[in-house]
């Protein structure tokens, strides 16, 4: 059997849609785009996962901002809350009080 006959036998064993040169060009293009291009499938997957993480962080920080704004609103509308905050955070006191700060080691 000559090499040409072997090639023809192999060619006839390939399914019909794969034998078309147009199909071969499309398959080659898809393989190139999926694996060898600068924006291949792996790179796109990494970018999409980073985008998903960034959106989750954005949602978290928006919730935190809403909580802090609510605390701030409460702080400026209620005098007792403002006094409690000033005493706890900045160790402020009334003029006739003594303040003792205990530092645990």
C-alpha atoms as a PDB file:
ATOM      1  CA  UNK A   1       0.000   0.000   0.000  1.00  0.00           C
ATOM      2  CA  UNK A   2       1.389   3.366  -0.961  1.00  0.00           C
ATOM      3  CA  UNK A   3       1.421   6.357   1.350  1.00  0.00           C
ATOM      4  CA  UNK A   4      -1.256   8.019  -0.772  1.00  0.00           C
ATOM      5  CA  UNK A   5      -3.627   5.060  -0.253  1.00  0.00           C
ATOM      6  CA  UNK A   6      -2.948   5.130   3.488  1.00  0.00           C
ATOM      7  CA  UNK A   7      -3.722   8.837   3.601  1.00  0.00           C
ATOM      8  CA  UNK A   8      -6.972   8.321   1.676  1.00  0.00           C
ATOM      9  CA  UNK A   9      -7.991   5.507   4.048  1.00  0.00           C
ATOM     10  CA  UNK A  10      -7.308   7.703   7.063  1.00  0.00           C
ATOM     11  CA  UNK A  11      -9.154  10.592   5.415  1.00  0.00           C
ATOM     12  CA  UNK A  12     -12.210   8.412   4.747  1.00  0.00           C
ATOM     13  CA  UNK A  13     -12.282   7.282   8.401  1.00  0.00           C
ATOM     14  CA  UNK A  14     -12.646  10.884   9.612  1.00  0.00           C
ATOM     15  CA  UNK A  15     -16.316  11.882  10.124  1.00  0.00           C
ATOM     16  CA  UNK A  16     -17.835  14.102   7.450  1.00  0.00           C
ATOM     17  CA  UNK A  17     -18.103  17.417   9.359  1.00  0.00           C
ATOM     18  CA  UNK A  18     -14.426  17.224  10.262  1.00  0.00           C
ATOM     19  CA  UNK A  19     -13.320  16.707   6.658  1.00  0.00           C
ATOM     20  CA  UNK A  20     -14.467  20.088   5.396  1.00  0.00           C
ATOM     21  CA  UNK A  21     -11.681  22.652   5.141  1.00  0.00           C
ATOM     22  CA  UNK A  22     -14.070  25.313   6.434  1.00  0.00           C
ATOM     23  CA  UNK A  23     -14.747  23.225   9.529  1.00  0.00           C
ATOM     24  CA  UNK A  24     -11.008  22.736   9.998  1.00  0.00           C
ATOM     25  CA  UNK A  25     -10.467  26.498   9.824  1.00  0.00           C
ATOM     26  CA  UNK A  26     -13.245  27.104  12.367  1.00  0.00           C
ATOM     27  CA  UNK A  27     -11.839  24.436  14.714  1.00  0.00           C
ATOM     28  CA  UNK A  28      -8.333  25.847  14.393  1.00  0.00           C
ATOM     29  CA  UNK A  29      -9.679  29.332  15.129  1.00  0.00           C
ATOM     30  CA  UNK A  30     -11.549  28.106  18.222  1.00  0.00           C
ATOM     31  CA  UNK A  31      -8.502  26.267  19.522  1.00  0.00           C
ATOM     32  CA  UNK A  32      -6.389  29.360  18.945  1.00  0.00           C
ATOM     33  CA  UNK A  33      -8.872  31.617  20.755  1.00  0.00           C
ATOM     34  CA  UNK A  34      -9.341  29.213  23.682  1.00  0.00           C
ATOM     35  CA  UNK A  35      -5.702  28.413  24.406  1.00  0.00           C
ATOM     36  CA  UNK A  36      -3.189  30.621  22.600  1.00  0.00           C
ATOM     37  CA  UNK A  37      -4.700  34.094  22.318  1.00  0.00           C
ATOM     38  CA  UNK A  38      -3.750  36.882  24.735  1.00  0.00           C
ATOM     39  CA  UNK A  39      -7.306  36.819  26.133  1.00  0.00           C
ATOM     40  CA  UNK A  40      -7.656  33.045  26.283  1.00  0.00           C
ATOM     41  CA  UNK A  41     -10.193  31.088  28.299  1.00  0.00           C
ATOM     42  CA  UNK A  42      -7.987  30.729  31.391  1.00  0.00           C
ATOM     43  CA  UNK A  43      -7.251  34.471  31.492  1.00  0.00           C
ATOM     44  CA  UNK A  44     -10.928  35.317  31.061  1.00  0.00           C
ATOM     45  CA  UNK A  45     -11.876  32.924  33.874  1.00  0.00           C
ATOM     46  CA  UNK A  46      -9.356  34.611  36.191  1.00  0.00           C
ATOM     47  CA  UNK A  47     -10.655  38.058  35.295  1.00  0.00           C
ATOM     48  CA  UNK A  48     -14.270  37.014  35.873  1.00  0.00           C
ATOM     49  CA  UNK A  49     -13.401  35.501  39.268  1.00  0.00           C
ATOM     50  CA  UNK A  50     -11.600  38.718  40.263  1.00  0.00           C
ATOM     51  CA  UNK A  51     -14.645  40.700  39.149  1.00  0.00           C
ATOM     52  CA  UNK A  52     -16.925  38.476  41.241  1.00  0.00           C
ATOM     53  CA  UNK A  53     -14.684  38.979  44.298  1.00  0.00           C
ATOM     54  CA  UNK A  54     -14.612  42.737  43.737  1.00  0.00           C
ATOM     55  CA  UNK A  55     -18.410  42.854  43.534  1.00  0.00           C
ATOM     56  CA  UNK A  56     -18.678  40.880  46.774  1.00  0.00           C
ATOM     57  CA  UNK A  57     -16.296  43.309  48.465  1.00  0.00           C
ATOM     58  CA  UNK A  58     -18.301  46.229  47.102  1.00  0.00           C
ATOM     59  CA  UNK A  59     -21.511  44.801  48.570  1.00  0.00           C
ATOM     60  CA  UNK A  60     -19.787  44.222  51.929  1.00  0.00           C
ATOM     61  CA  UNK A  61     -18.446  47.765  52.088  1.00  0.00           C
ATOM     62  CA  UNK A  62     -21.795  49.244  51.074  1.00  0.00           C
ATOM     63  CA  UNK A  63     -23.438  47.391  53.969  1.00  0.00           C
ATOM     64  CA  UNK A  64     -20.729  48.581  56.358  1.00  0.00           C
ATOM     65  CA  UNK A  65     -21.147  52.157  55.131  1.00  0.00           C
ATOM     66  CA  UNK A  66     -24.889  51.967  55.711  1.00  0.00           C
ATOM     67  CA  UNK A  67     -24.326  50.699  59.272  1.00  0.00           C
ATOM     68  CA  UNK A  68     -21.797  53.432  60.019  1.00  0.00           C
ATOM     69  CA  UNK A  69     -24.120  56.115  58.630  1.00  0.00           C
ATOM     70  CA  UNK A  70     -26.923  54.815  60.850  1.00  0.00           C
ATOM     71  CA  UNK A  71     -24.601  54.927  63.882  1.00  0.00           C
ATOM     72  CA  UNK A  72     -23.499  58.434  62.945  1.00  0.00           C
ATOM     73  CA  UNK A  73     -27.088  59.606  62.596  1.00  0.00           C
ATOM     74  CA  UNK A  74     -27.914  58.136  66.004  1.00  0.00           C
ATOM     75  CA  UNK A  75     -24.810  59.706  67.495  1.00  0.00           C
ATOM     76  CA  UNK A  76     -25.679  63.227  66.377  1.00  0.00           C
ATOM     77  CA  UNK A  77     -29.380  63.051  67.202  1.00  0.00           C
ATOM     78  CA  UNK A  78     -29.185  61.586  70.709  1.00  0.00           C
ATOM     79  CA  UNK A  79     -27.230  63.479  73.378  1.00  0.00           C
ATOM     80  CA  UNK A  80     -26.869  60.456  75.668  1.00  0.00           C
ATOM     81  CA  UNK A  81     -25.337  58.387  72.889  1.00  0.00           C
ATOM     82  CA  UNK A  82     -22.929  61.205  72.047  1.00  0.00           C
ATOM     83  CA  UNK A  83     -21.872  61.479  75.683  1.00  0.00           C
ATOM     84  CA  UNK A  84     -21.370  57.714  75.956  1.00  0.00           C
ATOM     85  CA  UNK A  85     -19.285  57.702  72.768  1.00  0.00           C
ATOM     86  CA  UNK A  86     -17.111  60.602  73.947  1.00  0.00           C
ATOM     87  CA  UNK A  87     -16.506  58.977  77.314  1.00  0.00           C
ATOM     88  CA  UNK A  88     -15.636  55.552  75.902  1.00  0.00           C
ATOM     89  CA  UNK A  89     -13.664  56.567  72.852  1.00  0.00           C
ATOM     90  CA  UNK A  90     -11.907  59.771  73.872  1.00  0.00           C
ATOM     91  CA  UNK A  91     -11.930  59.438  77.694  1.00  0.00           C
ATOM     92  CA  UNK A  92     -13.751  62.755  78.125  1.00  0.00           C
ATOM     93  CA  UNK A  93     -15.149  63.658  81.519  1.00  0.00           C
ATOM     94  CA  UNK A  94     -17.270  66.250  83.216  1.00  0.00           C
ATOM     95  CA  UNK A  95     -15.399  69.008  85.073  1.00  0.00           C
ATOM     96  CA  UNK A  96     -16.232  67.658  88.516  1.00  0.00           C
ATOM     97  CA  UNK A  97     -15.291  64.024  87.766  1.00  0.00           C
ATOM     98  CA  UNK A  98     -12.051  62.103  88.114  1.00  0.00           C
ATOM     99  CA  UNK A  99     -11.122  59.656  85.389  1.00  0.00           C
ATOM    100  CA  UNK A 100      -9.068  56.537  85.954  1.00  0.00           C
ATOM    101  CA  UNK A 101      -7.794  54.611  82.951  1.00  0.00           C
ATOM    102  CA  UNK A 102      -6.805  51.024  83.640  1.00  0.00           C
ATOM    103  CA  UNK A 103      -4.455  49.457  81.105  1.00  0.00           C
ATOM    104  CA  UNK A 104      -4.343  45.680  81.155  1.00  0.00           C
ATOM    105  CA  UNK A 105      -1.012  44.054  80.411  1.00  0.00           C
END
